[in-house]
Amino acid sequence: MLDNLATSLSYQYTGNQYLLDKQSKKTRGFNTVDLGATYTPIKHVDLKLGVTNITNEKRDYVATANDYFLSGRTIYGGISYKF
């Protein structure tokens, strides 16, 4: 049964950045964690479920004031069929 289950865990760190606007301000770094799983109950069918940005990380004021946003925590699910 577990042969049909695949899981993933990812971590991404983005360091400090300089925004090239009129004042060239520095933003703080941020990190995100994602978790996902795919289950194949029958041949050619995948069921997917996961969460992106588990920690619900937000960008700092400097970044958001310049329209640099980070998507908040998101839950997704789906079914796919392979021909």
Protein backbone atom coordinates (compact mmCIF):
# COMPACT_ATOMS: atom_id res chain seq x y z
CA MET A 1 0.00 0.00 0.00
CA LEU A 2 2.78 2.45 0.82
CA ASP A 3 4.39 1.66 -2.54
CA ASN A 4 1.65 3.83 -4.06
CA LEU A 5 2.41 6.86 -1.88
CA ALA A 6 5.02 9.54 -2.60
CA THR A 7 5.67 12.49 -0.30
CA SER A 8 7.72 15.64 -0.65
CA LEU A 9 9.01 18.26 1.74
CA SER A 10 10.76 21.35 0.45
CA TYR A 11 12.47 24.30 2.10
CA GLN A 12 13.44 27.48 0.29
CA TYR A 13 15.43 30.38 1.68
CA THR A 14 15.66 33.73 -0.10
CA GLY A 15 18.26 36.05 1.39
CA ASN A 16 18.24 39.81 1.76
CA GLN A 17 17.49 41.68 -1.44
CA TYR A 18 18.06 45.21 -2.65
CA LEU A 19 15.08 46.74 -4.41
CA LEU A 20 16.11 49.06 -7.20
CA ASP A 21 13.67 51.87 -6.62
CA LYS A 22 14.33 55.53 -5.94
CA GLN A 23 15.81 54.81 -2.49
CA SER A 24 17.41 51.36 -3.13
CA LYS A 25 16.13 49.81 0.10
CA LYS A 26 17.15 46.44 1.51
CA THR A 27 14.53 43.81 2.36
CA ARG A 28 14.99 41.04 4.90
CA GLY A 29 15.35 37.41 3.87
CA PHE A 30 12.53 34.92 4.18
CA ASN A 31 11.96 31.18 4.00
CA THR A 32 9.11 28.89 3.04
CA VAL A 33 8.27 25.24 3.70
CA ASP A 34 6.03 23.15 1.43
CA LEU A 35 4.61 19.67 2.00
CA GLY A 36 2.93 17.42 -0.56
CA ALA A 37 1.77 13.88 -1.18
CA THR A 38 0.72 11.87 -4.21
CA TYR A 39 -1.18 8.61 -3.91
CA THR A 40 -1.80 6.23 -6.81
CA PRO A 41 -4.81 4.06 -5.90
CA ILE A 42 -5.04 2.47 -9.37
CA LYS A 43 -2.81 2.48 -12.42
CA HIS A 44 -2.74 5.84 -14.28
CA VAL A 45 -4.64 7.76 -11.54
CA ASP A 46 -2.91 10.10 -9.07
CA LEU A 47 -4.50 11.84 -6.10
CA LYS A 48 -2.55 14.89 -4.95
CA LEU A 49 -2.76 16.89 -1.73
CA GLY A 50 -0.42 19.46 -0.26
CA VAL A 51 0.25 22.71 1.55
CA THR A 52 2.54 25.48 0.31
CA ASN A 53 4.08 28.09 2.63
CA ILE A 54 3.12 26.09 5.74
CA THR A 55 4.54 28.77 8.05
CA ASN A 56 2.47 31.47 6.29
CA GLU A 57 5.59 33.62 5.84
CA LYS A 58 5.04 37.24 4.84
CA ARG A 59 7.36 39.75 3.17
CA ASP A 60 8.47 42.78 5.15
CA TYR A 61 7.10 46.32 4.75
CA VAL A 62 9.87 47.40 2.38
CA ALA A 63 8.99 44.60 -0.06
CA THR A 64 5.20 44.93 0.16
CA ALA A 65 5.37 48.72 -0.20
CA ASN A 66 7.04 48.03 -3.58
CA ASP A 67 4.44 45.42 -4.59
CA TYR A 68 6.63 42.36 -3.88
CA PHE A 69 4.26 39.94 -2.19
CA LEU A 70 4.51 36.30 -1.17
CA SER A 71 1.50 33.99 -1.45
CA GLY A 72 0.21 32.97 1.95
CA ARG A 73 -0.46 29.44 3.12
CA THR A 74 -2.25 27.54 0.37
CA ILE A 75 -3.85 24.10 0.44
CA TYR A 76 -4.26 22.28 -2.85
CA GLY A 77 -5.66 18.98 -4.03
CA GLY A 78 -6.27 17.31 -7.33
CA ILE A 79 -6.72 14.21 -9.42
CA SER A 80 -4.78 13.43 -12.57
CA TYR A 81 -5.12 10.68 -15.13
CA LYS A 82 -2.18 9.56 -17.27
CA PHE A 83 -2.99 8.24 -20.76
